[in-house]
Amino acid sequence: MPTLPKTIPVSEPTTKRILPLAIGAGLLAAGAYLWRTKPQALNIPDPMPMDDARQSNALQRAVRKSRNGVSLVAPDNLGVSVGRSMVIAGTALMVTRLLDELSGPHR
């Protein structure tokens, strides 16, 4: 009759295996919160200066045109961009860790 081994080989401590999932879930939750709430403290101010109506030379007009072009692609709220990045990073970390678990023991 076969016998069971007296000791079971230990792969990694459970905390080391679960910690990436916990960090990923934290990143996901914090990112979703920032993305959803759009904190007022992270609003980017309007690019238009107060005295935009005055006469300007060609260089000032070129700078203003560039500034207006950049403002089209710049986010209105930095929390949205940071939150989205945190959600992506947290999800990637959790998926990677879950795939590591499913792939079996590493040597």
PDB file of N, CA and C in Angstrom:
ATOM      1  N   MET A   1       0.840  -1.163   0.000  1.00  0.00           N
ATOM      2  CA  MET A   1       0.000   0.000   0.000  1.00  0.00           C
ATOM      3  C   MET A   1       0.899   1.245   0.000  1.00  0.00           C
ATOM      4  N   PRO A   2       0.612   2.221  -0.902  1.00  0.00           N
ATOM      5  CA  PRO A   2       1.441   3.425  -0.946  1.00  0.00           C
ATOM      6  C   PRO A   2       1.237   4.283   0.302  1.00  0.00           C
ATOM      7  N   THR A   3       2.290   4.974   0.657  1.00  0.00           N
ATOM      8  CA  THR A   3       2.205   5.857   1.829  1.00  0.00           C
ATOM      9  C   THR A   3       2.365   7.310   1.399  1.00  0.00           C
ATOM     10  N   LEU A   4       1.785   8.164   2.158  1.00  0.00           N
ATOM     11  CA  LEU A   4       1.890   9.598   1.906  1.00  0.00           C
ATOM     12  C   LEU A   4       3.180  10.131   2.506  1.00  0.00           C
ATOM     13  N   PRO A   5       3.784  11.130   1.883  1.00  0.00           N
ATOM     14  CA  PRO A   5       4.993  11.698   2.466  1.00  0.00           C
ATOM     15  C   PRO A   5       4.677  12.393   3.780  1.00  0.00           C
ATOM     16  N   LYS A   6       5.654  12.402   4.669  1.00  0.00           N
ATOM     17  CA  LYS A   6       5.467  13.017   5.991  1.00  0.00           C
ATOM     18  C   LYS A   6       5.353  14.536   5.886  1.00  0.00           C
ATOM     19  N   THR A   7       6.079  15.137   4.956  1.00  0.00           N
ATOM     20  CA  THR A   7       6.006  16.591   4.787  1.00  0.00           C
ATOM     21  C   THR A   7       5.588  16.922   3.356  1.00  0.00           C
ATOM     22  N   ILE A   8       4.813  17.962   3.227  1.00  0.00           N
ATOM     23  CA  ILE A   8       4.365  18.418   1.907  1.00  0.00           C
ATOM     24  C   ILE A   8       5.317  19.527   1.462  1.00  0.00           C
ATOM     25  N   PRO A   9       5.835  19.442   0.246  1.00  0.00           N
ATOM     26  CA  PRO A   9       6.724  20.506  -0.207  1.00  0.00           C
ATOM     27  C   PRO A   9       5.990  21.846  -0.277  1.00  0.00           C
ATOM     28  N   VAL A  10       6.633  22.855   0.238  1.00  0.00           N
ATOM     29  CA  VAL A  10       6.030  24.190   0.267  1.00  0.00           C
ATOM     30  C   VAL A  10       6.568  24.979  -0.910  1.00  0.00           C
ATOM     31  N   SER A  11       5.665  25.580  -1.679  1.00  0.00           N
ATOM     32  CA  SER A  11       6.120  26.372  -2.822  1.00  0.00           C
ATOM     33  C   SER A  11       6.541  27.764  -2.349  1.00  0.00           C
ATOM     34  N   GLU A  12       5.625  28.626  -2.124  1.00  0.00           N
ATOM     35  CA  GLU A  12       5.900  29.972  -1.621  1.00  0.00           C
ATOM     36  C   GLU A  12       4.953  30.233  -0.472  1.00  0.00           C
ATOM     37  N   PRO A  13       5.349  31.086   0.450  1.00  0.00           N
ATOM     38  CA  PRO A  13       4.401  31.440   1.504  1.00  0.00           C
ATOM     39  C   PRO A  13       3.141  32.052   0.893  1.00  0.00           C
ATOM     40  N   THR A  14       2.026  31.793   1.516  1.00  0.00           N
ATOM     41  CA  THR A  14       0.747  32.270   1.003  1.00  0.00           C
ATOM     42  C   THR A  14       0.713  33.785   0.862  1.00  0.00           C
ATOM     43  N   THR A  15       1.343  34.492   1.790  1.00  0.00           N
ATOM     44  CA  THR A  15       1.310  35.951   1.703  1.00  0.00           C
ATOM     45  C   THR A  15       2.028  36.456   0.454  1.00  0.00           C
ATOM     46  N   LYS A  16       3.121  35.793   0.070  1.00  0.00           N
ATOM     47  CA  LYS A  16       3.821  36.198  -1.140  1.00  0.00           C
ATOM     48  C   LYS A  16       2.987  35.923  -2.383  1.00  0.00           C
ATOM     49  N   ARG A  17       2.176  34.908  -2.332  1.00  0.00           N
ATOM     50  CA  ARG A  17       1.354  34.562  -3.486  1.00  0.00           C
ATOM     51  C   ARG A  17       0.132  35.447  -3.595  1.00  0.00           C
ATOM     52  N   ILE A  18      -0.408  35.874  -2.464  1.00  0.00           N
ATOM     53  CA  ILE A  18      -1.636  36.668  -2.470  1.00  0.00           C
ATOM     54  C   ILE A  18      -1.359  38.161  -2.535  1.00  0.00           C
ATOM     55  N   LEU A  19      -0.203  38.607  -2.092  1.00  0.00           N
ATOM     56  CA  LEU A  19       0.115  40.031  -2.047  1.00  0.00           C
ATOM     57  C   LEU A  19      -0.054  40.734  -3.397  1.00  0.00           C
ATOM     58  N   PRO A  20       0.415  40.168  -4.529  1.00  0.00           N
ATOM     59  CA  PRO A  20       0.179  40.861  -5.803  1.00  0.00           C
ATOM     60  C   PRO A  20      -1.307  41.033  -6.131  1.00  0.00           C
ATOM     61  N   LEU A  21      -2.121  40.062  -5.745  1.00  0.00           N
ATOM     62  CA  LEU A  21      -3.566  40.203  -5.971  1.00  0.00           C
ATOM     63  C   LEU A  21      -4.146  41.329  -5.123  1.00  0.00           C
ATOM     64  N   ALA A  22      -3.695  41.425  -3.877  1.00  0.00           N
ATOM     65  CA  ALA A  22      -4.183  42.487  -2.998  1.00  0.00           C
ATOM     66  C   ALA A  22      -3.746  43.859  -3.502  1.00  0.00           C
ATOM     67  N   ILE A  23      -2.506  43.970  -3.941  1.00  0.00           N
ATOM     68  CA  ILE A  23      -2.022  45.250  -4.483  1.00  0.00           C
ATOM     69  C   ILE A  23      -2.780  45.597  -5.757  1.00  0.00           C
ATOM     70  N   GLY A  24      -2.988  44.621  -6.627  1.00  0.00           N
ATOM     71  CA  GLY A  24      -3.744  44.851  -7.862  1.00  0.00           C
ATOM     72  C   GLY A  24      -5.166  45.287  -7.583  1.00  0.00           C
ATOM     73  N   ALA A  25      -5.802  44.651  -6.599  1.00  0.00           N
ATOM     74  CA  ALA A  25      -7.171  45.037  -6.243  1.00  0.00           C
ATOM     75  C   ALA A  25      -7.198  46.451  -5.668  1.00  0.00           C
ATOM     76  N   GLY A  26      -6.175  46.801  -4.873  1.00  0.00           N
ATOM     77  CA  GLY A  26      -6.094  48.155  -4.333  1.00  0.00           C
ATOM     78  C   GLY A  26      -5.913  49.193  -5.426  1.00  0.00           C
ATOM     79  N   LEU A  27      -5.022  48.901  -6.377  1.00  0.00           N
ATOM     80  CA  LEU A  27      -4.834  49.812  -7.507  1.00  0.00           C
ATOM     81  C   LEU A  27      -6.119  49.963  -8.313  1.00  0.00           C
ATOM     82  N   LEU A  28      -6.790  48.857  -8.540  1.00  0.00           N
ATOM     83  CA  LEU A  28      -8.036  48.875  -9.293  1.00  0.00           C
ATOM     84  C   LEU A  28      -9.093  49.712  -8.582  1.00  0.00           C
ATOM     85  N   ALA A  29      -9.236  49.516  -7.285  1.00  0.00           N
ATOM     86  CA  ALA A  29     -10.252  50.245  -6.521  1.00  0.00           C
ATOM     87  C   ALA A  29      -9.929  51.739  -6.440  1.00  0.00           C
ATOM     88  N   ALA A  30      -8.674  52.072  -6.125  1.00  0.00           N
ATOM     89  CA  ALA A  30      -8.303  53.485  -6.034  1.00  0.00           C
ATOM     90  C   ALA A  30      -8.415  54.177  -7.389  1.00  0.00           C
ATOM     91  N   GLY A  31      -8.001  53.484  -8.438  1.00  0.00           N
ATOM     92  CA  GLY A  31      -8.107  54.050  -9.782  1.00  0.00           C
ATOM     93  C   GLY A  31      -9.549  54.262 -10.203  1.00  0.00           C
ATOM     94  N   ALA A  32     -10.400  53.293  -9.911  1.00  0.00           N
ATOM     95  CA  ALA A  32     -11.819  53.442 -10.254  1.00  0.00           C
ATOM     96  C   ALA A  32     -12.440  54.612  -9.494  1.00  0.00           C
ATOM     97  N   TYR A  33     -12.034  54.790  -8.245  1.00  0.00           N
ATOM     98  CA  TYR A  33     -12.544  55.911  -7.447  1.00  0.00           C
ATOM     99  C   TYR A  33     -12.121  57.251  -8.057  1.00  0.00           C
ATOM    100  N   LEU A  34     -10.832  57.378  -8.394  1.00  0.00           N
ATOM    101  CA  LEU A  34     -10.357  58.625  -9.006  1.00  0.00           C
ATOM    102  C   LEU A  34     -11.017  58.868 -10.362  1.00  0.00           C
ATOM    103  N   TRP A  35     -11.135  57.827 -11.139  1.00  0.00           N
ATOM    104  CA  TRP A  35     -11.710  57.930 -12.478  1.00  0.00           C
ATOM    105  C   TRP A  35     -13.172  58.375 -12.393  1.00  0.00           C
ATOM    106  N   ARG A  36     -13.882  57.837 -11.426  1.00  0.00           N
ATOM    107  CA  ARG A  36     -15.315  58.109 -11.302  1.00  0.00           C
ATOM    108  C   ARG A  36     -15.615  59.462 -10.652  1.00  0.00           C
ATOM    109  N   THR A  37     -14.856  59.827  -9.614  1.00  0.00           N
ATOM    110  CA  THR A  37     -15.195  61.028  -8.846  1.00  0.00           C
ATOM    111  C   THR A  37     -14.648  62.316  -9.435  1.00  0.00           C
ATOM    112  N   LYS A  38     -13.587  62.251 -10.217  1.00  0.00           N
ATOM    113  CA  LYS A  38     -12.970  63.439 -10.815  1.00  0.00           C
ATOM    114  C   LYS A  38     -12.751  64.535  -9.765  1.00  0.00           C
ATOM    115  N   PRO A  39     -11.814  64.352  -8.837  1.00  0.00           N
ATOM    116  CA  PRO A  39     -11.616  65.318  -7.753  1.00  0.00           C
ATOM    117  C   PRO A  39     -11.322  66.726  -8.282  1.00  0.00           C
ATOM    118  N   GLN A  40     -11.966  67.720  -7.690  1.00  0.00           N
ATOM    119  CA  GLN A  40     -11.796  69.103  -8.119  1.00  0.00           C
ATOM    120  C   GLN A  40     -10.359  69.583  -7.938  1.00  0.00           C
ATOM    121  N   ALA A  41      -9.650  69.048  -6.955  1.00  0.00           N
ATOM    122  CA  ALA A  41      -8.260  69.458  -6.719  1.00  0.00           C
ATOM    123  C   ALA A  41      -7.358  69.078  -7.883  1.00  0.00           C
ATOM    124  N   LEU A  42      -7.763  68.110  -8.701  1.00  0.00           N
ATOM    125  CA  LEU A  42      -6.947  67.661  -9.819  1.00  0.00           C
ATOM    126  C   LEU A  42      -7.411  68.227 -11.159  1.00  0.00           C
ATOM    127  N   ASN A  43      -8.288  69.235 -11.135  1.00  0.00           N
ATOM    128  CA  ASN A  43      -8.691  69.893 -12.371  1.00  0.00           C
ATOM    129  C   ASN A  43      -7.534  70.687 -12.938  1.00  0.00           C
ATOM    130  N   ILE A  44      -7.379  70.630 -14.246  1.00  0.00           N
ATOM    131  CA  ILE A  44      -6.346  71.414 -14.922  1.00  0.00           C
ATOM    132  C   ILE A  44      -6.999  72.729 -15.333  1.00  0.00           C
ATOM    133  N   PRO A  45      -6.354  73.859 -15.013  1.00  0.00           N
ATOM    134  CA  PRO A  45      -6.982  75.150 -15.308  1.00  0.00           C
ATOM    135  C   PRO A  45      -7.145  75.387 -16.808  1.00  0.00           C
ATOM    136  N   ASP A  46      -8.081  76.254 -17.134  1.00  0.00           N
ATOM    137  CA  ASP A  46      -8.340  76.638 -18.504  1.00  0.00           C
ATOM    138  C   ASP A  46      -7.082  77.275 -19.094  1.00  0.00           C
ATOM    139  N   PRO A  47      -6.678  76.915 -20.311  1.00  0.00           N
ATOM    140  CA  PRO A  47      -5.440  77.452 -20.861  1.00  0.00           C
ATOM    141  C   PRO A  47      -5.524  78.906 -21.306  1.00  0.00           C
ATOM    142  N   MET A  48      -6.704  79.478 -21.348  1.00  0.00           N
ATOM    143  CA  MET A  48      -6.862  80.846 -21.829  1.00  0.00           C
ATOM    144  C   MET A  48      -6.469  81.842 -20.751  1.00  0.00           C
ATOM    145  N   PRO A  49      -5.520  82.733 -21.049  1.00  0.00           N
ATOM    146  CA  PRO A  49      -5.180  83.765 -20.070  1.00  0.00           C
ATOM    147  C   PRO A  49      -6.282  84.810 -19.975  1.00  0.00           C
ATOM    148  N   MET A  50      -6.256  85.605 -18.922  1.00  0.00           N
ATOM    149  CA  MET A  50      -7.296  86.596 -18.670  1.00  0.00           C
ATOM    150  C   MET A  50      -7.334  87.679 -19.750  1.00  0.00           C
ATOM    151  N   ASP A  51      -6.197  88.107 -20.236  1.00  0.00           N
ATOM    152  CA  ASP A  51      -6.142  89.224 -21.172  1.00  0.00           C
ATOM    153  C   ASP A  51      -5.898  88.758 -22.607  1.00  0.00           C
ATOM    154  N   ASP A  52      -6.694  87.812 -23.086  1.00  0.00           N
ATOM    155  CA  ASP A  52      -6.525  87.255 -24.420  1.00  0.00           C
ATOM    156  C   ASP A  52      -6.976  88.217 -25.520  1.00  0.00           C
ATOM    157  N   ALA A  53      -7.726  89.254 -25.189  1.00  0.00           N
ATOM    158  CA  ALA A  53      -8.318  90.140 -26.185  1.00  0.00           C
ATOM    159  C   ALA A  53      -7.357  91.222 -26.677  1.00  0.00           C
ATOM    160  N   ARG A  54      -6.211  91.404 -26.072  1.00  0.00           N
ATOM    161  CA  ARG A  54      -5.304  92.480 -26.466  1.00  0.00           C
ATOM    162  C   ARG A  54      -4.630  92.178 -27.808  1.00  0.00           C
ATOM    163  N   GLN A  55      -4.041  93.199 -28.391  1.00  0.00           N
ATOM    164  CA  GLN A  55      -3.318  93.044 -29.652  1.00  0.00           C
ATOM    165  C   GLN A  55      -2.077  92.189 -29.423  1.00  0.00           C
ATOM    166  N   SER A  56      -1.745  91.349 -30.404  1.00  0.00           N
ATOM    167  CA  SER A  56      -0.585  90.489 -30.230  1.00  0.00           C
ATOM    168  C   SER A  56       0.214  90.432 -31.521  1.00  0.00           C
ATOM    169  N   ASN A  57       1.476  90.103 -31.384  1.00  0.00           N
ATOM    170  CA  ASN A  57       2.329  89.964 -32.564  1.00  0.00           C
ATOM    171  C   ASN A  57       2.255  88.525 -33.087  1.00  0.00           C
ATOM    172  N   ALA A  58       2.992  88.250 -34.152  1.00  0.00           N
ATOM    173  CA  ALA A  58       2.929  86.940 -34.807  1.00  0.00           C
ATOM    174  C   ALA A  58       3.394  85.815 -33.883  1.00  0.00           C
ATOM    175  N   LEU A  59       4.427  86.071 -33.074  1.00  0.00           N
ATOM    176  CA  LEU A  59       4.930  85.040 -32.163  1.00  0.00           C
ATOM    177  C   LEU A  59       3.879  84.696 -31.109  1.00  0.00           C
ATOM    178  N   GLN A  60       3.244  85.694 -30.549  1.00  0.00           N
ATOM    179  CA  GLN A  60       2.216  85.439 -29.537  1.00  0.00           C
ATOM    180  C   GLN A  60       1.030  84.685 -30.135  1.00  0.00           C
ATOM    181  N   ARG A  61       0.655  85.029 -31.368  1.00  0.00           N
ATOM    182  CA  ARG A  61      -0.447  84.309 -32.021  1.00  0.00           C
ATOM    183  C   ARG A  61      -0.069  82.841 -32.261  1.00  0.00           C
ATOM    184  N   ALA A  62       1.189  82.587 -32.666  1.00  0.00           N
ATOM    185  CA  ALA A  62       1.648  81.216 -32.901  1.00  0.00           C
ATOM    186  C   ALA A  62       1.666  80.422 -31.595  1.00  0.00           C
ATOM    187  N   VAL A  63       2.129  81.058 -30.530  1.00  0.00           N
ATOM    188  CA  VAL A  63       2.152  80.390 -29.223  1.00  0.00           C
ATOM    189  C   VAL A  63       0.731  80.096 -28.764  1.00  0.00           C
ATOM    190  N   ARG A  64      -0.179  81.041 -28.948  1.00  0.00           N
ATOM    191  CA  ARG A  64      -1.577  80.844 -28.549  1.00  0.00           C
ATOM    192  C   ARG A  64      -2.215  79.714 -29.350  1.00  0.00           C
ATOM    193  N   LYS A  65      -1.920  79.645 -30.655  1.00  0.00           N
ATOM    194  CA  LYS A  65      -2.467  78.576 -31.486  1.00  0.00           C
ATOM    195  C   LYS A  65      -1.939  77.217 -31.025  1.00  0.00           C
ATOM    196  N   SER A  66      -0.651  77.136 -30.689  1.00  0.00           N
ATOM    197  CA  SER A  66      -0.074  75.893 -30.173  1.00  0.00           C
ATOM    198  C   SER A  66      -0.707  75.505 -28.852  1.00  0.00           C
ATOM    199  N   ARG A  67      -0.877  76.488 -27.975  1.00  0.00           N
ATOM    200  CA  ARG A  67      -1.497  76.238 -26.665  1.00  0.00           C
ATOM    201  C   ARG A  67      -2.912  75.706 -26.841  1.00  0.00           C
ATOM    202  N   ASN A  68      -3.677  76.281 -27.754  1.00  0.00           N
ATOM    203  CA  ASN A  68      -5.045  75.822 -27.987  1.00  0.00           C
ATOM    204  C   ASN A  68      -5.068  74.412 -28.575  1.00  0.00           C
ATOM    205  N   GLY A  69      -4.085  74.084 -29.418  1.00  0.00           N
ATOM    206  CA  GLY A  69      -4.005  72.731 -29.965  1.00  0.00           C
ATOM    207  C   GLY A  69      -3.696  71.704 -28.897  1.00  0.00           C
ATOM    208  N   VAL A  70      -2.786  72.037 -27.998  1.00  0.00           N
ATOM    209  CA  VAL A  70      -2.434  71.127 -26.908  1.00  0.00           C
ATOM    210  C   VAL A  70      -3.618  70.946 -25.963  1.00  0.00           C
ATOM    211  N   SER A  71      -4.385  72.004 -25.743  1.00  0.00           N
ATOM    212  CA  SER A  71      -5.511  71.905 -24.807  1.00  0.00           C
ATOM    213  C   SER A  71      -6.598  70.965 -25.313  1.00  0.00           C
ATOM    214  N   LEU A  72      -6.625  70.699 -26.625  1.00  0.00           N
ATOM    215  CA  LEU A  72      -7.616  69.762 -27.165  1.00  0.00           C
ATOM    216  C   LEU A  72      -7.338  68.320 -26.747  1.00  0.00           C
ATOM    217  N   VAL A  73      -6.063  67.959 -26.603  1.00  0.00           N
ATOM    218  CA  VAL A  73      -5.714  66.585 -26.239  1.00  0.00           C
ATOM    219  C   VAL A  73      -5.389  66.419 -24.759  1.00  0.00           C
ATOM    220  N   ALA A  74      -5.187  67.528 -24.067  1.00  0.00           N
ATOM    221  CA  ALA A  74      -4.875  67.460 -22.634  1.00  0.00           C
ATOM    222  C   ALA A  74      -6.145  67.129 -21.846  1.00  0.00           C
ATOM    223  N   PRO A  75      -6.023  66.354 -20.780  1.00  0.00           N
ATOM    224  CA  PRO A  75      -7.214  66.026 -19.986  1.00  0.00           C
ATOM    225  C   PRO A  75      -7.713  67.239 -19.196  1.00  0.00           C
ATOM    226  N   ASP A  76      -9.012  67.257 -18.939  1.00  0.00           N
ATOM    227  CA  ASP A  76      -9.588  68.326 -18.111  1.00  0.00           C
ATOM    228  C   ASP A  76      -9.306  68.076 -16.637  1.00  0.00           C
ATOM    229  N   ASN A  77      -9.224  66.807 -16.277  1.00  0.00           N
ATOM    230  CA  ASN A  77      -9.001  66.448 -14.882  1.00  0.00           C
ATOM    231  C   ASN A  77      -7.918  65.381 -14.830  1.00  0.00           C
ATOM    232  N   LEU A  78      -6.887  65.646 -14.075  1.00  0.00           N
ATOM    233  CA  LEU A  78      -5.756  64.721 -13.984  1.00  0.00           C
ATOM    234  C   LEU A  78      -6.155  63.411 -13.293  1.00  0.00           C
ATOM    235  N   GLY A  79      -7.153  63.467 -12.421  1.00  0.00           N
ATOM    236  CA  GLY A  79      -7.617  62.269 -11.725  1.00  0.00           C
ATOM    237  C   GLY A  79      -8.147  61.215 -12.675  1.00  0.00           C
ATOM    238  N   VAL A  80      -8.758  61.650 -13.771  1.00  0.00           N
ATOM    239  CA  VAL A  80      -9.286  60.707 -14.750  1.00  0.00           C
ATOM    240  C   VAL A  80      -8.143  59.936 -15.401  1.00  0.00           C
ATOM    241  N   SER A  81      -7.101  60.650 -15.810  1.00  0.00           N
ATOM    242  CA  SER A  81      -5.962  59.992 -16.461  1.00  0.00           C
ATOM    243  C   SER A  81      -5.214  59.078 -15.499  1.00  0.00           C
ATOM    244  N   VAL A  82      -4.954  59.563 -14.300  1.00  0.00           N
ATOM    245  CA  VAL A  82      -4.251  58.753 -13.306  1.00  0.00           C
ATOM    246  C   VAL A  82      -5.114  57.554 -12.911  1.00  0.00           C
ATOM    247  N   GLY A  83      -6.406  57.777 -12.716  1.00  0.00           N
ATOM    248  CA  GLY A  83      -7.316  56.694 -12.346  1.00  0.00           C
ATOM    249  C   GLY A  83      -7.382  55.606 -13.403  1.00  0.00           C
ATOM    250  N   ARG A  84      -7.466  56.016 -14.657  1.00  0.00           N
ATOM    251  CA  ARG A  84      -7.511  55.045 -15.748  1.00  0.00           C
ATOM    252  C   ARG A  84      -6.227  54.218 -15.779  1.00  0.00           C
ATOM    253  N   SER A  85      -5.089  54.872 -15.609  1.00  0.00           N
ATOM    254  CA  SER A  85      -3.812  54.152 -15.594  1.00  0.00           C
ATOM    255  C   SER A  85      -3.739  53.176 -14.425  1.00  0.00           C
ATOM    256  N   MET A  86      -4.260  53.577 -13.259  1.00  0.00           N
ATOM    257  CA  MET A  86      -4.247  52.693 -12.098  1.00  0.00           C
ATOM    258  C   MET A  86      -5.152  51.486 -12.313  1.00  0.00           C
ATOM    259  N   VAL A  87      -6.296  51.687 -12.958  1.00  0.00           N
ATOM    260  CA  VAL A  87      -7.201  50.570 -13.248  1.00  0.00           C
ATOM    261  C   VAL A  87      -6.522  49.578 -14.190  1.00  0.00           C
ATOM    262  N   ILE A  88      -5.866  50.085 -15.226  1.00  0.00           N
ATOM    263  CA  ILE A  88      -5.179  49.204 -16.175  1.00  0.00           C
ATOM    264  C   ILE A  88      -4.043  48.453 -15.481  1.00  0.00           C
ATOM    265  N   ALA A  89      -3.249  49.166 -14.675  1.00  0.00           N
ATOM    266  CA  ALA A  89      -2.125  48.524 -13.981  1.00  0.00           C
ATOM    267  C   ALA A  89      -2.612  47.476 -12.985  1.00  0.00           C
ATOM    268  N   GLY A  90      -3.645  47.793 -12.218  1.00  0.00           N
ATOM    269  CA  GLY A  90      -4.174  46.843 -11.245  1.00  0.00           C
ATOM    270  C   GLY A  90      -4.737  45.601 -11.902  1.00  0.00           C
ATOM    271  N   THR A  91      -5.468  45.797 -12.993  1.00  0.00           N
ATOM    272  CA  THR A  91      -6.027  44.656 -13.718  1.00  0.00           C
ATOM    273  C   THR A  91      -4.917  43.790 -14.303  1.00  0.00           C
ATOM    274  N   ALA A  92      -3.904  44.424 -14.893  1.00  0.00           N
ATOM    275  CA  ALA A  92      -2.792  43.661 -15.470  1.00  0.00           C
ATOM    276  C   ALA A  92      -2.057  42.868 -14.397  1.00  0.00           C
ATOM    277  N   LEU A  93      -1.844  43.471 -13.236  1.00  0.00           N
ATOM    278  CA  LEU A  93      -1.163  42.774 -12.146  1.00  0.00           C
ATOM    279  C   LEU A  93      -1.971  41.570 -11.673  1.00  0.00           C
ATOM    280  N   MET A  94      -3.271  41.741 -11.521  1.00  0.00           N
ATOM    281  CA  MET A  94      -4.118  40.632 -11.057  1.00  0.00           C
ATOM    282  C   MET A  94      -4.193  39.512 -12.095  1.00  0.00           C
ATOM    283  N   VAL A  95      -4.346  39.874 -13.359  1.00  0.00           N
ATOM    284  CA  VAL A  95      -4.425  38.847 -14.408  1.00  0.00           C
ATOM    285  C   VAL A  95      -3.110  38.082 -14.501  1.00  0.00           C
ATOM    286  N   THR A  96      -1.996  38.805 -14.434  1.00  0.00           N
ATOM    287  CA  THR A  96      -0.687  38.149 -14.491  1.00  0.00           C
ATOM    288  C   THR A  96      -0.505  37.180 -13.332  1.00  0.00           C
ATOM    289  N   ARG A  97      -0.884  37.609 -12.137  1.00  0.00           N
ATOM    290  CA  ARG A  97      -0.732  36.734 -10.966  1.00  0.00           C
ATOM    291  C   ARG A  97      -1.646  35.515 -11.064  1.00  0.00           C
ATOM    292  N   LEU A  98      -2.876  35.714 -11.532  1.00  0.00           N
ATOM    293  CA  LEU A  98      -3.789  34.576 -11.681  1.00  0.00           C
ATOM    294  C   LEU A  98      -3.276  33.589 -12.730  1.00  0.00           C
ATOM    295  N   LEU A  99      -2.726  34.104 -13.818  1.00  0.00           N
ATOM    296  CA  LEU A  99      -2.157  33.211 -14.831  1.00  0.00           C
ATOM    297  C   LEU A  99      -0.935  32.473 -14.301  1.00  0.00           C
ATOM    298  N   ASP A 100      -0.148  33.140 -13.453  1.00  0.00           N
ATOM    299  CA  ASP A 100       0.982  32.455 -12.806  1.00  0.00           C
ATOM    300  C   ASP A 100       0.489  31.295 -11.948  1.00  0.00           C
ATOM    301  N   GLU A 101      -0.582  31.525 -11.205  1.00  0.00           N
ATOM    302  CA  GLU A 101      -1.142  30.459 -10.362  1.00  0.00           C
ATOM    303  C   GLU A 101      -1.657  29.305 -11.186  1.00  0.00           C
ATOM    304  N   LEU A 102      -2.306  29.619 -12.300  1.00  0.00           N
ATOM    305  CA  LEU A 102      -2.883  28.562 -13.151  1.00  0.00           C
ATOM    306  C   LEU A 102      -1.808  27.778 -13.893  1.00  0.00           C
ATOM    307  N   SER A 103      -0.664  28.411 -14.131  1.00  0.00           N
ATOM    308  CA  SER A 103       0.397  27.732 -14.889  1.00  0.00           C
ATOM    309  C   SER A 103       1.114  26.667 -14.088  1.00  0.00           C
ATOM    310  N   GLY A 104       0.936  26.654 -12.789  1.00  0.00           N
ATOM    311  CA  GLY A 104       1.545  25.612 -11.980  1.00  0.00           C
ATOM    312  C   GLY A 104       2.799  26.102 -11.263  1.00  0.00           C
ATOM    313  N   PRO A 105       3.462  25.183 -10.552  1.00  0.00           N
ATOM    314  CA  PRO A 105       4.642  25.564  -9.790  1.00  0.00           C
ATOM    315  C   PRO A 105       5.817  25.926 -10.697  1.00  0.00           C
ATOM    316  N   HIS A 106       6.609  26.866 -10.220  1.00  0.00           N
ATOM    317  CA  HIS A 106       7.789  27.316 -10.961  1.00  0.00           C
ATOM    318  C   HIS A 106       9.031  26.706 -10.340  1.00  0.00           C
ATOM    319  N   ARG A 107      10.005  26.493 -11.143  1.00  0.00           N
ATOM    320  CA  ARG A 107      11.275  25.947 -10.621  1.00  0.00           C
ATOM    321  C   ARG A 107      12.391  26.848 -10.998  1.00  0.00           C
TER     322      ARG A 107
END
